Amino acid sequence: MAKNITLAALKTRTLQRADAENDPHISTSELVNLINSAKHRYYDLLVAAGPPDYFRTTYNFSTASGTTSYALPSDFYLSKFVYSVDDTNIFRPLYPIDEAQVYQYRPPDGVYNIRLDYIPVSEDLSVDADYMDGVNGFDEIVVLQAAIDIKSKKEDSAGVLQQKLDVYINRLKEMAER
């Protein structure tokens, strides 16, 4: 089950961790940028930790005879699986080809149904009601990273925050190894 954390909550928690609640040198837009930057790094960690279908989504399209290039979904980030789907709804995996094989590739000679399973990009949060999935308290990674970035800007020590962040990241990496 998702643990939705709003941008408003992330902003409050980040400023608290950085001890910067009333700091006039941190604008709201800068704070949001720091949170989004930390969120995108966190997303990469979660994607790597799995499970592989937690963020996965699907895009279906059909080939055209003689065509080798197809548009990807606008939110495409990483490919997980590509399948050819026949008329009986049987999925046949398509395997990646290396650079040397690209030049030997022939375009399809007909119409084929293709299913792309992929990971979408991590979307920016922009208004206070926007939210992210905190996944079992790991949203603290976003908060700590953004707080460290604020401390760095202020040239304050972030040693304790960095230690806490390292504990969360190591926990997440350990989960990925299971």
Foldseek 3Di string as FASTA:
>chain_A
DFDKDFPLNLLVLLCVLLVNPPPPVQDPVNLLVLLQVLVQVLVVLDCLLDPVCPQKDKDKDKFAAQDDDDDDPPFFDFWDWKFWQDPVRDTDTDDDDDPVCVVVDTGDHHIIMMMTIGGGHDDRRDDRGDIDGCVPVVSVLSSLSSSVVVCVVVVHDSVVSVVVNVVSSVVSVVSSVD
